[in-house]
Amino acid sequence: MADVPWVALGSFASGVGSLYLLAQLREHWAKPGAKWFVATIGIITVWSTVYGAALLVSRPVVRLALEATTWGCLVWLGYVFVGFALGYTGRRATLESVTFRGLGLVPAAVTVLALSNGAHSLLWTDAAVATADAGTVVDYTIAPLGYLAIFAAMLFVTFGTMLVFDTVLSYGPLYRREAIAVGLSPIPPGLAVLAWALGIGPAVNLTTLAFLPHIALDTYAFVRSDMFEFHPATRRAGERAAIDDIATPVAIVDVAGRIVNLNPAAEAMLGVGKRATLTDRLDDRIDGDRFVPGEDDDRFGVANGGRRREYKLGQTELTDGGGTRLGYTAVFQDITDEIRRERRLEVLNRFLRHNVRNESVVIQARAELLSETLDGDAADHAATIERAVDRLVASGDKARTLSEAGTDDADLEPVDLAGLVAETVDSLSADYGGTVTVEVPDGLTVRSQPVLLGVVVENLVENALQHVPDASVTVRAAVDGDEVALSIADDGSGIPDHELGVLDRGEETPLSHGSGMGLWLVSWATTTLGADLDFDVSDGTRVTVRLPVVGEEVTASTR
């Protein structure tokens, strides 16, 4: 062992280190770019082992053949490293492109030329085998085509390193130190290759020794820190899915409103191809309302192929790290069908409001006259008709109240909870009888819509008074943190499970439906208000609505 040159020992050490790294990467071989990374480390293993053995060989023919093999390792190393960079960073389309595959002809051609150099001397000339302290070396003059091959290999490595370094750094602090390790790892062998090619230093090629720090840095980055567990390919795929693959049209424009990028949905919306529209003003491509960079629009019309669709336009400012405005992301949400449904509902609402309600009032009046003039069963039938029409008119009024209520934050206002509950309870007690106890502190204010909050209180109290004979109902409110817990409780048998099941599913079916609109109105109103709704039927019925507090000056008040 003492007679083995130190450069050969170092080369063998690099080969053993790269084999260790390959063994550690076995569980990651299926990850994006991992197979190309394994190929990169495999080439380093071959190069280090072959060069270490070459330093111990004295036969000129064998020595020259081993030297030619190292040239093949040099050019293939750069190519497969670029393949790893493309796969690891999620650029699979480029990796599988004809262009990248065509670039593989470069290392293939150099390998063939290196192995046959003795016949043509295109890569190097005047090769001579000599024995030195470092081992058996080959002294030759690199030809211009040889320098070009070395330059191509270095260019491959440089491009791959920049690709990995830039992409991994985009994760932010997650892998900053590991990214630096990846960026630094090709530097030692790269400098060694340049020194050998330029004839700087000893005649022996020290690149295989420089693989030792390269392998150490890669081991730290890809094994100790699990960089193959969280790789940029995930982020790139997510970005593509978030923009390119969604059905919502998205346009990227600069500060002047010129198109920088369009996703396929935006191309379909405009009826144009992305390549044909780049640098065009988006406003010039829209046959409809005027597009203003940076300004949102709740109703934005776009005409294409003689058809006009309505969109809700939202724009997000794009800035660099220094806060300089670069452009905008414009997202077009198609609301055409929503607007059509709203228009149909408006027509239906007008029909119910005028025609159905007017006809119901006529039936109600005639039924009242009949119940007053008829006797016996006929009078009872007329009274039943009158009550049914009363319920129908009341349901229509409730539905209309909800449909006319606003849903924006601008519709919210401070509401005196005690006053609203007292006003609602007084009118219901007169209509239904029963006992209603109110325990709401004076001065308790919530932020809500008075109309919708009134719908909630009215329907919950009314539901208890209607369905529980001689009902005893308690309306209570208490402050709980930054919320008010408003509860309406009765001593009845509890709301049936099938009624609550309908609310949980959010829809009615022929076999499962509610008996009225009251609970539906409560559910819809609380959802619109952004309040929480909870039913407890373990002992009677207790319905709790949680509302945000605006202000509180609480004094005891029980009615």
Protein backbone atom coordinates (compact mmCIF):
# COMPACT_ATOMS: atom_id res chain seq x y z
CA MET A 1 0.00 0.00 0.00
CA ALA A 2 2.93 2.32 0.64
CA ASP A 3 3.90 2.12 -3.05
CA VAL A 4 0.48 3.31 -4.23
CA PRO A 5 0.65 6.97 -5.33
CA TRP A 6 -1.31 9.38 -3.12
CA VAL A 7 -3.36 10.65 -6.08
CA ALA A 8 -4.49 7.10 -6.77
CA LEU A 9 -5.46 6.65 -3.14
CA GLY A 10 -7.44 9.87 -3.27
CA SER A 11 -9.17 8.73 -6.46
CA PHE A 12 -10.16 5.44 -4.90
CA ALA A 13 -11.42 7.31 -1.83
CA SER A 14 -13.64 9.43 -4.10
CA GLY A 15 -14.96 6.25 -5.68
CA VAL A 16 -15.77 4.73 -2.29
CA GLY A 17 -17.41 7.98 -1.11
CA SER A 18 -19.59 8.15 -4.20
CA LEU A 19 -20.65 4.52 -3.69
CA TYR A 20 -21.67 5.39 -0.13
CA LEU A 21 -23.74 8.31 -1.45
CA LEU A 22 -25.40 6.01 -4.00
CA ALA A 23 -26.33 3.57 -1.24
CA GLN A 24 -27.89 6.37 0.82
CA LEU A 25 -30.00 7.49 -2.13
CA ARG A 26 -31.66 4.12 -2.77
CA GLU A 27 -34.95 5.09 -1.10
CA HIS A 28 -35.14 8.29 -3.19
CA TRP A 29 -34.56 6.80 -6.65
CA ALA A 30 -38.21 7.25 -7.63
CA LYS A 31 -38.20 10.99 -6.81
CA PRO A 32 -38.03 13.65 -9.58
CA GLY A 33 -34.47 13.96 -10.90
CA ALA A 34 -33.13 11.23 -8.59
CA LYS A 35 -32.23 8.78 -11.37
CA TRP A 36 -30.26 11.47 -13.16
CA PHE A 37 -28.50 12.34 -9.89
CA VAL A 38 -27.68 8.67 -9.40
CA ALA A 39 -26.24 8.64 -12.94
CA THR A 40 -24.15 11.71 -12.05
CA ILE A 41 -22.70 10.05 -8.94
CA GLY A 42 -22.25 6.81 -10.91
CA ILE A 43 -20.11 8.60 -13.49
CA ILE A 44 -18.03 10.11 -10.68
CA THR A 45 -17.57 6.59 -9.31
CA VAL A 46 -16.40 5.28 -12.69
CA TRP A 47 -14.16 8.27 -13.34
CA SER A 48 -12.49 8.10 -9.91
CA THR A 49 -11.99 4.33 -10.06
CA VAL A 50 -10.73 4.32 -13.64
CA TYR A 51 -8.31 7.19 -13.06
CA GLY A 52 -7.02 5.65 -9.83
CA ALA A 53 -6.36 2.41 -11.68
CA ALA A 54 -4.80 4.28 -14.62
CA LEU A 55 -2.17 5.79 -12.35
CA LEU A 56 -1.08 2.23 -11.47
CA VAL A 57 -0.93 0.95 -15.08
CA SER A 58 2.36 1.14 -16.98
CA ARG A 59 1.39 -0.41 -20.33
CA PRO A 60 0.95 2.51 -22.81
CA VAL A 61 -1.99 1.00 -24.72
CA VAL A 62 -4.00 0.30 -21.59
CA ARG A 63 -3.05 3.63 -20.05
CA LEU A 64 -4.19 5.56 -23.12
CA ALA A 65 -7.47 3.63 -23.21
CA LEU A 66 -8.14 4.49 -19.57
CA GLU A 67 -7.29 8.15 -20.28
CA ALA A 68 -9.82 8.17 -23.13
CA THR A 69 -12.42 6.72 -20.73
CA THR A 70 -11.94 9.67 -18.38
CA TRP A 71 -12.67 12.03 -21.28
CA GLY A 72 -15.98 10.25 -21.82
CA CYS A 73 -16.77 10.57 -18.10
CA LEU A 74 -15.98 14.29 -18.24
CA VAL A 75 -18.44 15.13 -21.01
CA TRP A 76 -21.18 12.75 -19.84
CA LEU A 77 -20.97 14.11 -16.29
CA GLY A 78 -22.03 17.59 -17.39
CA TYR A 79 -24.91 16.29 -19.52
CA VAL A 80 -26.47 14.03 -16.87
CA PHE A 81 -26.05 16.79 -14.25
CA VAL A 82 -28.23 19.05 -16.40
CA GLY A 83 -30.74 16.18 -16.63
CA PHE A 84 -30.80 16.00 -12.84
CA ALA A 85 -31.29 19.77 -12.56
CA LEU A 86 -34.21 19.72 -15.02
CA GLY A 87 -35.92 16.78 -13.32
CA TYR A 88 -35.33 17.98 -9.76
CA THR A 89 -36.71 21.45 -10.45
CA GLY A 90 -39.85 20.13 -12.15
CA ARG A 91 -38.96 20.86 -15.79
CA ARG A 92 -39.92 17.44 -17.06
CA ALA A 93 -41.20 18.76 -20.39
CA THR A 94 -37.75 20.18 -21.17
CA LEU A 95 -36.10 17.00 -19.92
CA GLU A 96 -38.15 14.92 -22.36
CA SER A 97 -37.86 17.39 -25.24
CA VAL A 98 -36.19 16.63 -28.55
CA THR A 99 -33.74 19.48 -27.91
CA PHE A 100 -32.37 18.00 -24.69
CA ARG A 101 -32.18 14.52 -26.19
CA GLY A 102 -30.36 15.99 -29.17
CA LEU A 103 -27.78 17.52 -26.84
CA GLY A 104 -26.92 13.98 -25.80
CA LEU A 105 -25.18 13.61 -29.14
CA VAL A 106 -22.41 15.91 -27.85
CA PRO A 107 -21.07 13.59 -25.10
CA ALA A 108 -21.74 10.56 -27.30
CA ALA A 109 -19.64 12.02 -30.11
CA VAL A 110 -16.83 13.10 -27.76
CA THR A 111 -16.74 9.61 -26.21
CA VAL A 112 -16.37 8.02 -29.65
CA LEU A 113 -13.67 10.52 -30.62
CA ALA A 114 -11.80 9.97 -27.35
CA LEU A 115 -11.78 6.19 -27.68
CA SER A 116 -10.58 6.46 -31.31
CA ASN A 117 -8.26 9.43 -30.84
CA GLY A 118 -5.21 7.36 -31.73
CA ALA A 119 -6.53 7.10 -35.28
CA HIS A 120 -7.26 10.80 -35.87
CA SER A 121 -5.83 12.92 -32.98
CA LEU A 122 -8.81 15.31 -33.07
CA LEU A 123 -8.98 15.76 -29.27
CA TRP A 124 -5.29 15.61 -28.36
CA THR A 125 -1.94 15.07 -30.05
CA ASP A 126 1.59 13.91 -29.18
CA ALA A 127 0.48 11.64 -26.36
CA ALA A 128 3.31 10.16 -24.30
CA VAL A 129 3.10 7.87 -21.27
CA ALA A 130 5.52 8.63 -18.46
CA THR A 131 6.08 7.57 -14.86
CA ALA A 132 6.06 10.21 -12.13
CA ASP A 133 5.77 10.36 -8.34
CA ALA A 134 1.97 10.68 -8.73
CA GLY A 135 1.87 7.51 -10.86
CA THR A 136 1.68 6.76 -14.57
CA VAL A 137 0.63 9.95 -16.37
CA VAL A 138 -0.09 10.83 -19.99
CA ASP A 139 1.44 13.98 -21.38
CA TYR A 140 -0.29 15.35 -24.50
CA THR A 141 -1.33 18.55 -26.21
CA ILE A 142 -5.06 19.25 -26.21
CA ALA A 143 -6.38 20.06 -29.69
CA PRO A 144 -8.89 22.88 -30.35
CA LEU A 145 -11.73 20.33 -30.65
CA GLY A 146 -10.63 18.90 -27.31
CA TYR A 147 -10.88 22.31 -25.66
CA LEU A 148 -14.32 22.71 -27.21
CA ALA A 149 -15.39 19.38 -25.68
CA ILE A 150 -14.09 20.48 -22.26
CA PHE A 151 -15.87 23.82 -22.64
CA ALA A 152 -19.15 22.03 -23.48
CA ALA A 153 -18.82 19.86 -20.37
CA MET A 154 -18.13 22.89 -18.17
CA LEU A 155 -21.04 24.73 -19.75
CA PHE A 156 -23.38 21.83 -18.93
CA VAL A 157 -22.24 21.78 -15.30
CA THR A 158 -22.51 25.55 -14.94
CA PHE A 159 -26.03 25.65 -16.36
CA GLY A 160 -27.21 22.79 -14.18
CA THR A 161 -25.69 24.34 -11.07
CA MET A 162 -27.33 27.70 -11.73
CA LEU A 163 -30.67 26.00 -12.36
CA VAL A 164 -30.61 24.07 -9.09
CA PHE A 165 -29.17 26.94 -7.08
CA ASP A 166 -31.75 29.48 -8.28
CA THR A 167 -34.75 27.17 -7.99
CA VAL A 168 -33.93 25.79 -4.56
CA LEU A 169 -33.27 29.28 -3.23
CA SER A 170 -36.82 30.22 -4.27
CA TYR A 171 -38.02 28.10 -1.34
CA GLY A 172 -36.80 30.91 0.91
CA PRO A 173 -35.10 29.91 4.17
CA LEU A 174 -36.26 26.27 3.96
CA TYR A 175 -33.13 24.99 2.18
CA ARG A 176 -30.87 28.02 2.02
CA ARG A 177 -27.78 26.33 3.49
CA GLU A 178 -28.38 23.18 1.47
CA ALA A 179 -28.77 25.25 -1.71
CA ILE A 180 -25.42 26.89 -1.01
CA ALA A 181 -23.90 23.43 -0.61
CA VAL A 182 -25.34 22.34 -3.98
CA GLY A 183 -24.07 25.51 -5.60
CA LEU A 184 -20.57 25.10 -4.18
CA SER A 185 -20.17 21.38 -4.82
CA PRO A 186 -19.18 21.60 -8.54
CA ILE A 187 -16.58 24.33 -7.89
CA PRO A 188 -13.66 22.13 -6.64
CA PRO A 189 -13.77 19.62 -9.53
CA GLY A 190 -14.48 22.44 -12.00
CA LEU A 191 -11.36 24.33 -10.93
CA ALA A 192 -9.34 21.11 -11.07
CA VAL A 193 -10.51 20.45 -14.66
CA LEU A 194 -9.55 24.00 -15.69
CA ALA A 195 -6.12 23.71 -14.05
CA TRP A 196 -5.48 20.41 -15.86
CA ALA A 197 -6.72 21.69 -19.23
CA LEU A 198 -4.64 24.88 -18.99
CA GLY A 199 -1.54 23.03 -17.80
CA ILE A 200 -1.46 24.75 -14.43
CA GLY A 201 0.22 22.77 -11.67
CA PRO A 202 1.40 19.15 -11.85
CA ALA A 203 0.91 16.99 -14.95
CA VAL A 204 -1.43 14.70 -13.07
CA ASN A 205 -5.19 15.44 -13.23
CA LEU A 206 -6.42 16.27 -9.71
CA THR A 207 -10.13 16.30 -10.60
CA THR A 208 -10.80 12.96 -8.92
CA LEU A 209 -9.35 14.31 -5.66
CA ALA A 210 -11.59 17.36 -5.97
CA PHE A 211 -14.58 15.00 -6.04
CA LEU A 212 -14.10 14.41 -2.30
CA PRO A 213 -15.47 17.84 -1.18
CA HIS A 214 -18.06 17.61 -3.98
CA ILE A 215 -19.38 14.31 -2.58
CA ALA A 216 -19.28 15.64 0.99
CA LEU A 217 -21.38 18.69 0.05
CA ASP A 218 -23.88 16.59 -1.91
CA THR A 219 -24.17 14.13 0.97
CA TYR A 220 -24.98 16.99 3.33
CA ALA A 221 -27.55 18.49 0.94
CA PHE A 222 -29.34 15.40 -0.32
CA VAL A 223 -28.96 12.87 2.47
CA ARG A 224 -28.56 14.65 5.78
CA SER A 225 -31.17 17.31 4.95
CA ASP A 226 -33.63 15.24 2.88
CA MET A 227 -33.73 17.58 -0.08
CA PHE A 228 -35.30 14.80 -2.13
CA GLU A 229 -38.19 14.68 0.34
CA PHE A 230 -39.16 18.32 -0.39
CA HIS A 231 -38.15 19.21 -3.91
CA PRO A 232 -38.86 22.20 -6.19
CA ALA A 233 -40.78 19.95 -8.61
CA THR A 234 -43.70 20.03 -6.17
CA ARG A 235 -43.75 23.81 -6.16
CA ARG A 236 -43.44 24.08 -9.93
CA ALA A 237 -46.26 21.57 -10.43
CA GLY A 238 -48.39 23.50 -7.94
CA GLU A 239 -47.75 26.80 -9.71
CA ARG A 240 -48.68 25.23 -13.04
CA ALA A 241 -51.84 23.71 -11.58
CA ALA A 242 -52.72 27.01 -9.88
CA ILE A 243 -52.57 28.97 -13.14
CA ASP A 244 -52.33 26.83 -16.27
CA ASP A 245 -54.59 23.95 -15.28
CA ILE A 246 -57.50 25.81 -13.70
CA ALA A 247 -60.65 26.68 -15.61
CA THR A 248 -60.56 30.31 -14.43
CA PRO A 249 -59.04 32.73 -16.98
CA VAL A 250 -55.83 34.32 -15.67
CA ALA A 251 -53.80 37.00 -17.46
CA ILE A 252 -50.45 38.43 -16.38
CA VAL A 253 -49.95 42.02 -17.54
CA ASP A 254 -47.28 44.65 -16.98
CA VAL A 255 -47.96 48.09 -15.50
CA ALA A 256 -49.05 49.34 -18.94
CA GLY A 257 -51.58 46.54 -19.30
CA ARG A 258 -49.57 44.62 -21.91
CA ILE A 259 -49.96 40.83 -21.92
CA VAL A 260 -47.04 38.93 -20.43
CA ASN A 261 -48.75 35.56 -20.04
CA LEU A 262 -52.14 33.90 -20.48
CA ASN A 263 -53.35 30.57 -19.18
CA PRO A 264 -55.36 28.29 -21.53
CA ALA A 265 -58.66 29.43 -20.01
CA ALA A 266 -57.79 33.07 -20.77
CA GLU A 267 -56.85 32.13 -24.33
CA ALA A 268 -60.29 30.52 -24.75
CA MET A 269 -61.98 33.56 -23.19
CA LEU A 270 -60.30 35.93 -25.65
CA GLY A 271 -60.41 33.52 -28.58
CA VAL A 272 -56.69 34.00 -29.27
CA GLY A 273 -53.42 32.13 -28.82
CA LYS A 274 -50.90 33.22 -26.20
CA ARG A 275 -47.99 33.56 -28.62
CA ALA A 276 -49.98 35.85 -30.89
CA THR A 277 -50.92 38.21 -28.05
CA LEU A 278 -47.69 38.63 -26.06
CA THR A 279 -46.83 42.34 -25.55
CA ASP A 280 -50.27 43.36 -26.89
CA ARG A 281 -52.43 45.50 -24.62
CA LEU A 282 -55.08 43.33 -22.98
CA ASP A 283 -57.61 46.11 -23.48
CA ASP A 284 -57.07 45.89 -27.26
CA ARG A 285 -57.83 42.18 -27.21
CA ILE A 286 -61.11 42.53 -25.31
CA ASP A 287 -64.27 43.21 -27.30
CA GLY A 288 -66.30 44.53 -24.40
CA ASP A 289 -65.73 46.68 -21.33
CA ARG A 290 -62.51 48.63 -20.93
CA PHE A 291 -59.70 46.91 -19.00
CA VAL A 292 -57.82 49.20 -16.60
CA PRO A 293 -54.65 47.74 -15.01
CA GLY A 294 -54.92 47.55 -11.24
CA GLU A 295 -58.68 48.19 -11.02
CA ASP A 296 -61.11 45.47 -9.93
CA ASP A 297 -64.59 45.23 -11.43
CA ASP A 298 -67.63 43.32 -10.13
CA ARG A 299 -69.18 43.20 -13.62
CA PHE A 300 -66.83 42.92 -16.57
CA GLY A 301 -68.21 41.93 -19.97
CA VAL A 302 -66.17 40.15 -22.65
CA ALA A 303 -67.54 39.39 -26.12
CA ASN A 304 -66.08 36.51 -28.14
CA GLY A 305 -67.50 34.95 -31.29
CA GLY A 306 -70.67 36.98 -31.10
CA ARG A 307 -71.41 35.88 -27.53
CA ARG A 308 -70.94 38.00 -24.43
CA ARG A 309 -70.13 36.61 -21.02
CA GLU A 310 -69.97 38.43 -17.71
CA TYR A 311 -66.97 38.18 -15.39
CA LYS A 312 -65.96 39.41 -11.98
CA LEU A 313 -62.48 40.88 -12.42
CA GLY A 314 -59.94 40.83 -9.59
CA GLN A 315 -56.36 42.06 -9.91
CA THR A 316 -53.34 41.42 -7.68
CA GLU A 317 -50.28 43.65 -7.81
CA LEU A 318 -46.96 42.01 -8.74
CA THR A 319 -43.86 43.50 -7.12
CA ASP A 320 -40.19 42.62 -6.84
CA GLY A 321 -38.31 42.20 -3.58
CA GLY A 322 -37.81 45.96 -3.31
CA GLY A 323 -41.51 46.78 -3.64
CA THR A 324 -41.31 48.04 -7.24
CA ARG A 325 -44.58 47.45 -9.08
CA LEU A 326 -44.01 45.10 -12.02
CA GLY A 327 -47.54 44.40 -13.19
CA TYR A 328 -50.74 42.64 -12.24
CA THR A 329 -52.33 39.21 -12.15
CA ALA A 330 -55.84 39.59 -13.57
CA VAL A 331 -58.31 36.83 -12.65
CA PHE A 332 -61.63 36.66 -14.53
CA GLN A 333 -64.34 34.78 -12.61
CA ASP A 334 -67.19 33.81 -14.95
CA ILE A 335 -70.47 34.92 -13.34
CA THR A 336 -72.64 34.68 -16.45
CA ASP A 337 -74.70 31.74 -15.18
CA GLU A 338 -74.93 33.32 -11.74
CA ILE A 339 -76.33 36.53 -13.22
CA ARG A 340 -78.82 34.55 -15.30
CA ARG A 341 -80.00 32.71 -12.18
CA GLU A 342 -80.34 36.01 -10.34
CA ARG A 343 -82.48 37.40 -13.15
CA ARG A 344 -84.70 34.31 -13.17
CA LEU A 345 -85.06 34.57 -9.39
CA GLU A 346 -85.98 38.25 -9.69
CA VAL A 347 -88.74 37.37 -12.15
CA LEU A 348 -89.93 34.53 -9.92
CA ASN A 349 -89.83 36.79 -6.87
CA ARG A 350 -91.91 39.44 -8.60
CA PHE A 351 -94.40 36.76 -9.64
CA LEU A 352 -94.66 35.42 -6.08
CA ARG A 353 -94.78 38.91 -4.60
CA HIS A 354 -97.58 40.19 -6.80
CA ASN A 355 -99.54 37.40 -8.47
CA VAL A 356 -99.44 34.64 -5.86
CA ARG A 357 -99.74 37.00 -2.90
CA ASN A 358 -102.63 38.91 -4.46
CA GLU A 359 -104.49 35.72 -5.29
CA SER A 360 -103.81 34.40 -1.77
CA VAL A 361 -105.29 37.56 -0.26
CA VAL A 362 -108.43 37.06 -2.36
CA ILE A 363 -108.77 33.42 -1.22
CA GLN A 364 -108.10 34.48 2.37
CA ALA A 365 -110.85 37.15 2.28
CA ARG A 366 -113.40 34.80 0.70
CA ALA A 367 -112.57 32.05 3.20
CA GLU A 368 -113.06 34.48 6.07
CA LEU A 369 -116.48 35.48 4.70
CA LEU A 370 -117.47 31.85 4.28
CA SER A 371 -116.42 30.93 7.83
CA GLU A 372 -118.55 33.80 9.16
CA THR A 373 -121.66 32.95 7.12
CA LEU A 374 -121.58 29.14 7.17
CA ASP A 375 -122.37 26.80 10.05
CA GLY A 376 -121.15 23.41 11.18
CA ASP A 377 -118.64 21.44 9.12
CA ALA A 378 -118.77 23.92 6.24
CA ALA A 379 -117.66 26.71 8.56
CA ASP A 380 -114.81 24.51 9.86
CA HIS A 381 -113.67 23.81 6.32
CA ALA A 382 -113.68 27.50 5.49
CA ALA A 383 -111.71 28.26 8.67
CA THR A 384 -109.13 25.56 7.69
CA ILE A 385 -108.75 27.16 4.27
CA GLU A 386 -108.27 30.55 5.92
CA ARG A 387 -105.55 29.27 8.26
CA ALA A 388 -103.74 27.49 5.42
CA VAL A 389 -103.74 30.65 3.31
CA ASP A 390 -102.52 32.63 6.35
CA ARG A 391 -99.55 30.28 6.62
CA LEU A 392 -98.89 30.52 2.88
CA VAL A 393 -98.90 34.33 2.96
CA ALA A 394 -96.66 34.35 6.06
CA SER A 395 -94.18 31.98 4.38
CA GLY A 396 -94.10 34.21 1.31
CA ASP A 397 -93.43 37.26 3.47
CA LYS A 398 -90.58 35.47 5.23
CA ALA A 399 -88.99 34.35 1.97
CA ARG A 400 -89.27 37.85 0.54
CA THR A 401 -87.67 39.34 3.68
CA LEU A 402 -84.69 37.04 3.33
CA SER A 403 -84.29 37.60 -0.41
CA GLU A 404 -84.26 41.38 0.07
CA ALA A 405 -81.71 41.33 2.90
CA GLY A 406 -78.20 42.48 2.03
CA THR A 407 -75.15 40.22 2.35
CA ASP A 408 -72.26 42.70 2.34
CA ASP A 409 -70.28 43.94 5.32
CA ALA A 410 -71.66 47.38 4.52
CA ASP A 411 -75.10 46.10 5.58
CA LEU A 412 -73.86 45.30 9.08
CA GLU A 413 -74.51 47.80 11.84
CA PRO A 414 -74.60 47.94 15.66
CA VAL A 415 -77.84 46.42 16.95
CA ASP A 416 -79.32 46.86 20.44
CA LEU A 417 -80.00 43.20 21.16
CA ALA A 418 -82.32 43.75 24.14
CA GLY A 419 -84.53 46.18 22.19
CA LEU A 420 -84.75 43.92 19.14
CA VAL A 421 -85.67 40.85 21.22
CA ALA A 422 -88.26 42.76 23.26
CA GLU A 423 -89.98 44.14 20.15
CA THR A 424 -90.08 40.71 18.51
CA VAL A 425 -91.32 38.85 21.59
CA ASP A 426 -94.12 41.34 22.33
CA SER A 427 -95.74 40.85 18.93
CA LEU A 428 -95.42 37.05 19.05
CA SER A 429 -96.85 36.73 22.56
CA ALA A 430 -99.95 38.60 21.46
CA ASP A 431 -100.43 36.25 18.49
CA TYR A 432 -99.71 32.86 20.04
CA GLY A 433 -99.99 33.19 23.80
CA GLY A 434 -97.62 31.14 25.95
CA THR A 435 -94.98 32.48 28.31
CA VAL A 436 -91.81 34.10 27.03
CA THR A 437 -89.08 35.12 29.48
CA VAL A 438 -86.37 37.46 28.25
CA GLU A 439 -82.98 37.58 29.95
CA VAL A 440 -80.96 39.94 27.79
CA PRO A 441 -78.70 42.55 29.47
CA ASP A 442 -79.42 46.17 28.61
CA GLY A 443 -76.72 47.93 26.63
CA LEU A 444 -75.53 44.74 24.88
CA THR A 445 -74.72 45.60 21.26
CA VAL A 446 -73.90 43.20 18.46
CA ARG A 447 -72.74 43.86 14.92
CA SER A 448 -75.36 42.40 12.63
CA GLN A 449 -78.16 43.10 10.13
CA PRO A 450 -81.29 44.06 12.06
CA VAL A 451 -83.61 42.45 9.49
CA LEU A 452 -81.80 39.09 9.43
CA LEU A 453 -81.26 39.02 13.18
CA GLY A 454 -84.96 39.74 13.62
CA VAL A 455 -85.75 36.83 11.27
CA VAL A 456 -83.64 34.51 13.45
CA VAL A 457 -85.23 35.57 16.76
CA GLU A 458 -88.77 35.70 15.38
CA ASN A 459 -88.71 32.29 13.76
CA LEU A 460 -87.06 30.50 16.69
CA VAL A 461 -89.52 31.95 19.23
CA GLU A 462 -92.45 31.44 16.85
CA ASN A 463 -91.41 27.83 16.23
CA ALA A 464 -91.48 27.14 19.99
CA LEU A 465 -94.84 28.87 20.54
CA GLN A 466 -96.44 27.14 17.56
CA HIS A 467 -95.36 23.58 18.29
CA VAL A 468 -95.36 23.45 22.09
CA PRO A 469 -98.81 23.75 23.80
CA ASP A 470 -98.74 26.36 26.57
CA ALA A 471 -95.06 26.80 25.81
CA SER A 472 -92.59 28.25 28.29
CA VAL A 473 -89.88 29.92 26.23
CA THR A 474 -86.71 31.59 27.52
CA VAL A 475 -84.65 34.01 25.45
CA ARG A 476 -81.26 34.52 27.06
CA ALA A 477 -78.08 36.34 25.98
CA ALA A 478 -74.66 36.26 27.64
CA VAL A 479 -71.24 37.57 26.70
CA ASP A 480 -68.72 34.81 26.01
CA GLY A 481 -65.31 36.30 25.17
CA ASP A 482 -65.72 38.43 22.06
CA GLU A 483 -69.06 36.82 21.20
CA VAL A 484 -72.64 36.95 22.43
CA ALA A 485 -74.34 33.60 22.95
CA LEU A 486 -78.03 34.17 22.19
CA SER A 487 -80.16 31.14 23.13
CA ILE A 488 -83.88 30.38 22.72
CA ALA A 489 -85.05 27.42 24.82
CA ASP A 490 -88.44 25.74 25.30
CA ASP A 491 -89.77 22.87 27.42
CA GLY A 492 -91.24 20.86 24.55
CA SER A 493 -90.32 17.44 23.20
CA GLY A 494 -87.54 18.77 20.98
CA ILE A 495 -87.25 19.37 17.26
CA PRO A 496 -87.60 16.03 15.37
CA ASP A 497 -84.38 14.48 14.06
CA HIS A 498 -85.60 14.52 10.46
CA GLU A 499 -86.08 18.30 10.64
CA LEU A 500 -82.49 18.82 11.86
CA GLY A 501 -81.21 16.28 9.35
CA VAL A 502 -82.56 18.37 6.49
CA LEU A 503 -80.63 21.39 7.78
CA ASP A 504 -77.41 19.38 8.15
CA ARG A 505 -77.66 18.14 4.54
CA GLY A 506 -78.57 21.56 3.23
CA GLU A 507 -81.25 20.17 0.91
CA GLU A 508 -84.64 18.49 0.99
CA THR A 509 -85.55 15.21 -0.69
CA PRO A 510 -88.95 13.63 -1.39
CA LEU A 511 -88.44 11.30 1.59
CA SER A 512 -86.82 13.84 3.91
CA HIS A 513 -88.07 17.39 4.16
CA GLY A 514 -88.95 20.04 6.72
CA SER A 515 -92.47 20.93 7.69
CA GLY A 516 -92.05 24.66 7.18
CA MET A 517 -89.72 27.51 6.28
CA GLY A 518 -88.93 28.74 9.78
CA LEU A 519 -85.84 26.63 10.44
CA TRP A 520 -84.66 27.10 6.86
CA LEU A 521 -84.87 30.86 7.31
CA VAL A 522 -82.93 30.63 10.59
CA SER A 523 -80.23 28.53 8.94
CA TRP A 524 -79.91 30.78 5.89
CA ALA A 525 -79.95 33.98 7.95
CA THR A 526 -77.24 32.83 10.37
CA THR A 527 -75.10 31.64 7.46
CA THR A 528 -75.49 35.04 5.78
CA LEU A 529 -74.54 36.78 9.01
CA GLY A 530 -71.53 34.53 9.50
CA ALA A 531 -72.92 33.41 12.87
CA ASP A 532 -72.66 29.96 14.46
CA LEU A 533 -75.87 27.96 14.97
CA ASP A 534 -76.21 25.05 17.41
CA PHE A 535 -79.21 22.84 18.30
CA ASP A 536 -79.52 20.95 21.59
CA VAL A 537 -82.61 18.69 21.87
CA SER A 538 -81.54 16.60 24.85
CA ASP A 539 -84.08 18.36 27.13
CA GLY A 540 -86.63 20.30 25.16
CA THR A 541 -85.03 22.47 22.48
CA ARG A 542 -82.23 24.97 22.99
CA VAL A 543 -81.00 26.85 19.94
CA THR A 544 -77.84 28.94 20.39
CA VAL A 545 -76.67 31.63 17.99
CA ARG A 546 -73.22 33.16 18.49
CA LEU A 547 -72.75 36.76 17.33
CA PRO A 548 -69.77 39.16 17.52
CA VAL A 549 -69.91 41.89 20.17
CA VAL A 550 -69.52 45.54 19.19
CA GLY A 551 -69.83 47.17 22.57
CA GLU A 552 -71.02 46.26 26.00
CA GLU A 553 -72.46 48.33 28.81
CA VAL A 554 -74.32 45.57 30.59
CA THR A 555 -76.90 46.10 33.31
CA ALA A 556 -79.11 43.35 34.68
CA SER A 557 -82.49 43.23 33.01
CA THR A 558 -84.97 40.38 33.16
CA ARG A 559 -88.47 40.57 31.79
